[in-house]
Amino acid sequence: MATHRLLQLMGFGSAWLVQGCTSRLRGAPTVGAVRTTTLLVLLSVACAQVGGAIARTLFNDLGPPGVLLLRLAIAASIFAVAVRPQVRFWTGAAWRSAAQLGVFSAGLNMLSYLALSIAPLGIVVTASFVGPLMLSLVQTRRPADLLWALMAGTGVVLLGLRAGVDVPLPGLLLALAAGGCGAGYIVFSARVGRVVPGLGGLTVSFAVGALMVLPFGAAGAGAAFRHPRLVPGLVTVAVLSSVVPYALELIALRRLPTRVFGVLMSLQPAAAAIAGLLILRQHLGPAPIAALVLVTAASFGVTRQGSREPPAAHRD
């Protein structure tokens, strides 16, 4: 009963936050709306990395696939209750887009969790950022966009190569593969935002992701039913890693061009390094700090430029 009540409270609390942000972003785009969207991306980044660090503490009990399976299942349940998507009115394009988003998000998270089980959080996030960064570079149109993307790339490469820890090759390869899925996630998140009303697409995408992970995570997830003490941590991971960041990113992608969104997400390595320090006790040296300055400067630059160009959702 207590666990059910906790799930209910966190679910409706997350829905209240997301619905409040959505209401602020309705109507014609303004400079204030763009700035609000930027704050949503920053909140998404912080929640995702804190959630990732907490998830790492559960790997010994449930295994990476088990943690991911329960995270996606809990997130799908929260959205189903809080959003209640009207799926019977969806078009075929809406179903396909939501399913494809589920496939890419499951791949991104499964590969990231497997990498995180053998490599530090900051390194995993840095390497997996390559995919979204390449998407940003491919889509760039103006010299200033290229400058910010290259600055962010320099920062994440420096953070990855000079973190001061030994990085297993399998962990790096898994993280790079996760980056490829991350680029697909950005593309299909934007598509879901266009063809699916509200946040209903996330309910279906999480359910699809859970089904994909089920064969790999069922055995590990069973331990949560034998050890109820793990449930609060799992609910926290689901809210921080899935519910809040995915909802806020979907809202943001309706207002920001995907290339601008991709460079803004360059703060992910910095947030991961901070979460690793505070939660996983991973200390940083001068080189990683320099990398954080680079990616922060790039994010600031692209945000200022993005506020002067029309959002993707309002372009012809």
Protein backbone atom coordinates (compact mmCIF):
# COMPACT_ATOMS: atom_id res chain seq x y z
CA MET A 1 0.00 0.00 0.00
CA ALA A 2 2.78 2.42 0.90
CA THR A 3 4.63 1.62 -2.33
CA HIS A 4 1.47 2.13 -4.38
CA ARG A 5 0.87 5.46 -2.65
CA LEU A 6 4.48 6.55 -3.35
CA LEU A 7 4.09 5.67 -7.03
CA GLN A 8 0.80 7.56 -7.19
CA LEU A 9 2.18 10.69 -5.53
CA MET A 10 5.33 10.82 -7.67
CA GLY A 11 3.34 10.13 -10.82
CA PHE A 12 0.84 12.91 -10.29
CA GLY A 13 3.56 15.24 -9.04
CA SER A 14 5.51 14.69 -12.27
CA ALA A 15 2.36 15.18 -14.33
CA TRP A 16 1.62 18.45 -12.53
CA LEU A 17 5.13 19.70 -13.32
CA VAL A 18 4.92 18.70 -16.98
CA GLN A 19 1.41 20.09 -17.48
CA GLY A 20 2.45 23.37 -15.86
CA CYS A 21 5.40 23.69 -18.23
CA THR A 22 3.20 22.82 -21.21
CA SER A 23 0.67 25.52 -20.35
CA ARG A 24 3.44 28.13 -20.24
CA LEU A 25 4.61 27.20 -23.71
CA ARG A 26 1.26 27.46 -25.47
CA GLY A 27 0.57 30.20 -27.98
CA ALA A 28 2.84 32.18 -30.24
CA PRO A 29 6.59 31.77 -29.64
CA THR A 30 8.29 34.63 -27.83
CA VAL A 31 11.78 35.28 -26.53
CA GLY A 32 10.44 34.45 -23.06
CA ALA A 33 9.06 31.13 -24.31
CA VAL A 34 12.40 30.22 -25.86
CA ARG A 35 14.17 31.01 -22.60
CA THR A 36 11.65 28.90 -20.71
CA THR A 37 12.30 26.07 -23.15
CA THR A 38 16.02 26.38 -22.48
CA LEU A 39 15.38 26.04 -18.74
CA LEU A 40 13.35 22.90 -19.42
CA VAL A 41 16.30 21.36 -21.26
CA LEU A 42 18.63 22.22 -18.37
CA LEU A 43 16.23 20.66 -15.85
CA SER A 44 15.96 17.60 -18.07
CA VAL A 45 19.76 17.26 -18.16
CA ALA A 46 20.09 17.51 -14.38
CA CYS A 47 17.32 14.99 -13.67
CA ALA A 48 18.61 12.49 -16.22
CA GLN A 49 22.15 12.41 -14.82
CA VAL A 50 21.11 12.23 -11.17
CA GLY A 51 18.75 9.42 -12.13
CA GLY A 52 21.57 7.64 -13.99
CA ALA A 53 23.85 7.84 -10.97
CA ILE A 54 21.14 6.47 -8.67
CA ALA A 55 20.42 3.69 -11.18
CA ARG A 56 24.09 2.65 -11.05
CA THR A 57 23.74 1.99 -7.31
CA LEU A 58 21.00 -0.59 -8.08
CA PHE A 59 22.94 -2.60 -10.66
CA ASN A 60 24.42 -5.01 -8.10
CA ASP A 61 20.94 -6.02 -6.93
CA LEU A 62 18.97 -6.07 -10.18
CA GLY A 63 21.48 -5.92 -13.04
CA PRO A 64 21.42 -3.17 -15.71
CA PRO A 65 18.62 -4.74 -17.83
CA GLY A 66 16.51 -5.38 -14.72
CA VAL A 67 16.80 -1.78 -13.57
CA LEU A 68 15.95 -0.53 -17.06
CA LEU A 69 12.95 -2.83 -17.43
CA LEU A 70 11.42 -1.66 -14.16
CA ARG A 71 12.26 1.97 -14.91
CA LEU A 72 10.44 1.85 -18.25
CA ALA A 73 7.50 -0.12 -16.87
CA ILE A 74 7.03 2.31 -13.97
CA ALA A 75 7.37 5.31 -16.29
CA ALA A 76 4.79 3.86 -18.71
CA SER A 77 2.40 3.28 -15.79
CA ILE A 78 2.84 6.82 -14.49
CA PHE A 79 2.13 8.34 -17.89
CA ALA A 80 -0.81 6.02 -18.54
CA VAL A 81 -2.46 7.17 -15.29
CA ALA A 82 -1.49 10.84 -15.47
CA VAL A 83 -1.89 11.54 -19.21
CA ARG A 84 -4.48 8.94 -20.31
CA PRO A 85 -3.63 9.11 -24.01
CA GLN A 86 -6.55 8.81 -26.41
CA VAL A 87 -4.85 6.15 -28.52
CA ARG A 88 -8.06 5.08 -30.24
CA PHE A 89 -7.98 8.35 -32.18
CA TRP A 90 -4.33 8.05 -33.25
CA THR A 91 -3.33 7.83 -36.89
CA GLY A 92 -1.04 5.16 -38.26
CA ALA A 93 1.78 7.71 -38.41
CA ALA A 94 1.34 8.46 -34.71
CA TRP A 95 1.56 4.79 -33.76
CA ARG A 96 4.63 4.24 -35.94
CA SER A 97 6.42 7.29 -34.59
CA ALA A 98 5.73 6.38 -30.95
CA ALA A 99 6.87 2.80 -31.55
CA GLN A 100 10.06 3.95 -33.30
CA LEU A 101 10.80 6.33 -30.43
CA GLY A 102 10.40 3.39 -28.06
CA VAL A 103 12.87 1.31 -30.06
CA PHE A 104 15.54 4.02 -30.10
CA SER A 105 15.06 5.01 -26.45
CA ALA A 106 15.30 1.35 -25.39
CA GLY A 107 18.49 0.93 -27.41
CA LEU A 108 19.97 4.14 -26.04
CA ASN A 109 19.26 3.23 -22.43
CA MET A 110 20.15 -0.46 -22.64
CA LEU A 111 23.53 0.25 -24.23
CA SER A 112 24.17 3.13 -21.81
CA TYR A 113 23.37 0.98 -18.76
CA LEU A 114 25.58 -1.85 -19.99
CA ALA A 115 28.39 0.65 -20.55
CA LEU A 116 27.77 2.24 -17.15
CA SER A 117 28.18 -1.12 -15.46
CA ILE A 118 31.84 -1.25 -16.54
CA ALA A 119 32.84 2.40 -17.14
CA PRO A 120 32.50 5.70 -15.21
CA LEU A 121 29.33 7.77 -15.65
CA GLY A 122 31.11 10.84 -17.06
CA ILE A 123 32.93 8.76 -19.70
CA VAL A 124 29.78 6.90 -20.73
CA VAL A 125 27.78 10.09 -21.20
CA THR A 126 30.67 11.81 -22.98
CA ALA A 127 31.08 9.00 -25.51
CA SER A 128 27.33 8.60 -26.05
CA PHE A 129 27.09 12.32 -26.81
CA VAL A 130 28.93 11.72 -30.10
CA GLY A 131 25.69 10.70 -31.83
CA PRO A 132 23.66 13.82 -30.98
CA LEU A 133 26.74 15.98 -31.68
CA MET A 134 27.09 14.47 -35.16
CA LEU A 135 23.40 15.14 -35.75
CA SER A 136 23.95 18.76 -34.78
CA LEU A 137 26.93 19.07 -37.14
CA VAL A 138 25.07 17.47 -40.05
CA GLN A 139 22.13 19.83 -39.62
CA THR A 140 24.12 23.02 -39.09
CA ARG A 141 23.50 25.84 -41.55
CA ARG A 142 25.36 28.87 -40.20
CA PRO A 143 29.02 29.29 -39.32
CA ALA A 144 28.17 30.24 -35.72
CA ASP A 145 26.29 26.94 -35.23
CA LEU A 146 29.36 25.06 -36.42
CA LEU A 147 31.57 27.00 -34.01
CA TRP A 148 29.38 26.14 -31.01
CA ALA A 149 29.15 22.49 -32.07
CA LEU A 150 32.92 22.24 -32.46
CA MET A 151 33.48 23.92 -29.10
CA ALA A 152 31.13 21.45 -27.44
CA GLY A 153 32.83 18.58 -29.25
CA THR A 154 36.25 19.73 -28.03
CA GLY A 155 34.91 19.82 -24.50
CA VAL A 156 33.41 16.35 -24.52
CA VAL A 157 36.51 14.86 -26.16
CA LEU A 158 38.69 16.48 -23.51
CA LEU A 159 36.41 15.20 -20.77
CA GLY A 160 36.50 11.72 -22.24
CA LEU A 161 40.23 11.49 -22.85
CA ARG A 162 41.47 13.28 -19.74
CA ALA A 163 39.11 12.04 -17.05
CA GLY A 164 41.99 10.40 -15.19
CA VAL A 165 40.48 6.90 -15.09
CA ASP A 166 41.03 3.70 -17.08
CA VAL A 167 38.17 3.15 -19.51
CA PRO A 168 37.50 -0.43 -20.70
CA LEU A 169 37.24 -0.67 -24.48
CA PRO A 170 33.89 -2.56 -24.31
CA GLY A 171 32.45 0.25 -22.22
CA LEU A 172 33.53 2.87 -24.74
CA LEU A 173 32.15 0.88 -27.68
CA LEU A 174 28.81 0.37 -25.92
CA ALA A 175 28.61 4.08 -25.12
CA LEU A 176 29.40 5.05 -28.73
CA ALA A 177 26.68 2.68 -29.95
CA ALA A 178 24.32 4.31 -27.45
CA GLY A 179 25.17 7.64 -29.07
CA GLY A 180 23.89 6.38 -32.41
CA CYS A 181 20.59 5.49 -30.77
CA GLY A 182 20.64 8.91 -29.09
CA ALA A 183 20.66 10.63 -32.48
CA GLY A 184 17.67 8.54 -33.53
CA TYR A 185 15.95 9.37 -30.26
CA ILE A 186 16.24 13.12 -30.96
CA VAL A 187 14.86 12.74 -34.48
CA PHE A 188 11.89 10.58 -33.46
CA SER A 189 11.14 12.64 -30.36
CA ALA A 190 10.69 15.62 -32.64
CA ARG A 191 8.49 13.54 -34.94
CA VAL A 192 6.33 12.31 -32.06
CA GLY A 193 5.97 15.90 -30.90
CA ARG A 194 4.55 16.79 -34.31
CA VAL A 195 2.13 13.91 -34.89
CA VAL A 196 1.00 12.91 -31.39
CA PRO A 197 -1.01 15.40 -29.30
CA GLY A 198 0.13 16.13 -25.76
CA LEU A 199 2.44 13.67 -24.02
CA GLY A 200 0.57 10.50 -24.93
CA GLY A 201 3.33 9.32 -27.24
CA LEU A 202 5.62 8.77 -24.28
CA THR A 203 3.24 6.23 -22.72
CA VAL A 204 3.37 4.05 -25.82
CA SER A 205 7.10 4.54 -26.38
CA PHE A 206 7.91 3.51 -22.80
CA ALA A 207 5.67 0.45 -23.13
CA VAL A 208 7.38 -0.53 -26.39
CA GLY A 209 10.79 -0.02 -24.77
CA ALA A 210 9.82 -2.19 -21.80
CA LEU A 211 8.70 -4.99 -24.13
CA MET A 212 12.04 -4.83 -25.95
CA VAL A 213 14.01 -5.04 -22.71
CA LEU A 214 11.77 -7.72 -21.15
CA PRO A 215 13.68 -10.78 -22.42
CA PHE A 216 16.94 -9.41 -21.00
CA GLY A 217 15.71 -7.91 -17.75
CA ALA A 218 12.92 -10.16 -16.49
CA ALA A 219 15.17 -12.30 -14.30
CA GLY A 220 16.89 -9.36 -12.63
CA ALA A 221 13.69 -7.37 -12.21
CA GLY A 222 12.19 -10.22 -10.20
CA ALA A 223 14.51 -9.38 -7.33
CA ALA A 224 12.57 -6.16 -6.70
CA PHE A 225 9.53 -8.22 -5.68
CA ARG A 226 11.64 -10.16 -3.20
CA HIS A 227 13.29 -7.01 -1.82
CA PRO A 228 10.69 -4.21 -1.46
CA ARG A 229 13.40 -1.89 -0.08
CA LEU A 230 14.55 -1.41 -3.68
CA VAL A 231 11.20 -0.07 -4.88
CA PRO A 232 11.59 3.57 -3.72
CA GLY A 233 14.94 3.79 -5.51
CA LEU A 234 13.41 2.35 -8.69
CA VAL A 235 10.52 4.80 -8.61
CA THR A 236 12.99 7.64 -8.12
CA VAL A 237 15.04 6.43 -11.10
CA ALA A 238 11.92 6.15 -13.26
CA VAL A 239 10.80 9.70 -12.42
CA LEU A 240 14.24 11.31 -12.73
CA SER A 241 15.52 9.32 -15.71
CA SER A 242 12.33 8.88 -17.74
CA VAL A 243 9.23 10.79 -16.70
CA VAL A 244 10.60 14.30 -16.13
CA PRO A 245 13.44 14.48 -18.70
CA TYR A 246 11.60 12.74 -21.56
CA ALA A 247 8.51 14.88 -21.08
CA LEU A 248 10.49 18.12 -20.86
CA GLU A 249 12.62 17.19 -23.88
CA LEU A 250 9.53 16.39 -25.92
CA ILE A 251 8.10 19.81 -25.03
CA ALA A 252 11.42 21.47 -25.85
CA LEU A 253 11.73 19.77 -29.23
CA ARG A 254 8.43 21.35 -30.24
CA ARG A 255 10.00 24.78 -29.78
CA LEU A 256 13.70 24.38 -30.62
CA PRO A 257 15.39 23.25 -33.86
CA THR A 258 16.89 19.80 -33.40
CA ARG A 259 20.42 21.11 -34.09
CA VAL A 260 20.05 23.71 -31.30
CA PHE A 261 18.61 21.09 -28.97
CA GLY A 262 21.51 18.77 -29.80
CA VAL A 263 24.16 21.29 -28.80
CA LEU A 264 22.25 22.31 -25.66
CA MET A 265 22.42 18.67 -24.64
CA SER A 266 26.21 19.07 -24.55
CA LEU A 267 25.67 19.85 -20.88
CA GLN A 268 25.00 16.15 -20.35
CA PRO A 269 28.70 15.26 -19.81
CA ALA A 270 29.12 18.11 -17.34
CA ALA A 271 26.02 17.07 -15.42
CA ALA A 272 27.18 13.46 -15.47
CA ALA A 273 30.57 14.44 -14.06
CA ILE A 274 28.91 16.39 -11.26
CA ALA A 275 26.48 13.57 -10.49
CA GLY A 276 29.37 11.12 -10.51
CA LEU A 277 31.25 13.29 -8.04
CA LEU A 278 28.36 13.83 -5.64
CA ILE A 279 26.71 10.40 -5.79
CA LEU A 280 29.35 7.95 -7.05
CA ARG A 281 32.41 9.72 -5.58
CA GLN A 282 34.20 10.16 -8.92
CA HIS A 283 36.63 13.06 -8.57
CA LEU A 284 37.59 15.37 -11.44
CA GLY A 285 40.92 17.01 -12.26
CA PRO A 286 41.79 20.27 -14.06
CA ALA A 287 41.25 18.87 -17.57
CA PRO A 288 37.65 17.73 -16.97
CA ILE A 289 36.90 21.10 -15.38
CA ALA A 290 38.25 22.82 -18.51
CA ALA A 291 35.96 20.59 -20.57
CA LEU A 292 32.99 21.67 -18.50
CA VAL A 293 33.82 25.32 -19.22
CA LEU A 294 33.94 24.59 -22.97
CA VAL A 295 30.61 22.79 -23.15
CA THR A 296 28.95 25.39 -20.92
CA ALA A 297 30.21 28.20 -23.17
CA ALA A 298 28.97 26.35 -26.26
CA SER A 299 25.55 25.81 -24.71
CA PHE A 300 25.31 29.48 -23.73
CA GLY A 301 26.25 30.55 -27.25
CA VAL A 302 23.79 28.30 -29.04
CA THR A 303 21.02 29.30 -26.62
CA ARG A 304 21.51 33.00 -27.41
CA GLN A 305 21.56 32.30 -31.13
CA GLY A 306 18.58 29.97 -30.90
CA SER A 307 16.49 32.68 -29.24
CA ARG A 308 16.80 34.79 -32.39
CA GLU A 309 15.60 32.15 -34.85
CA PRO A 310 12.06 30.77 -35.24
CA PRO A 311 11.31 27.45 -33.51
CA ALA A 312 10.99 24.31 -35.61
CA ALA A 313 7.31 23.82 -34.81
CA HIS A 314 6.45 27.21 -36.30
CA ARG A 315 8.41 27.07 -39.53
CA ASP A 316 6.94 26.55 -42.99
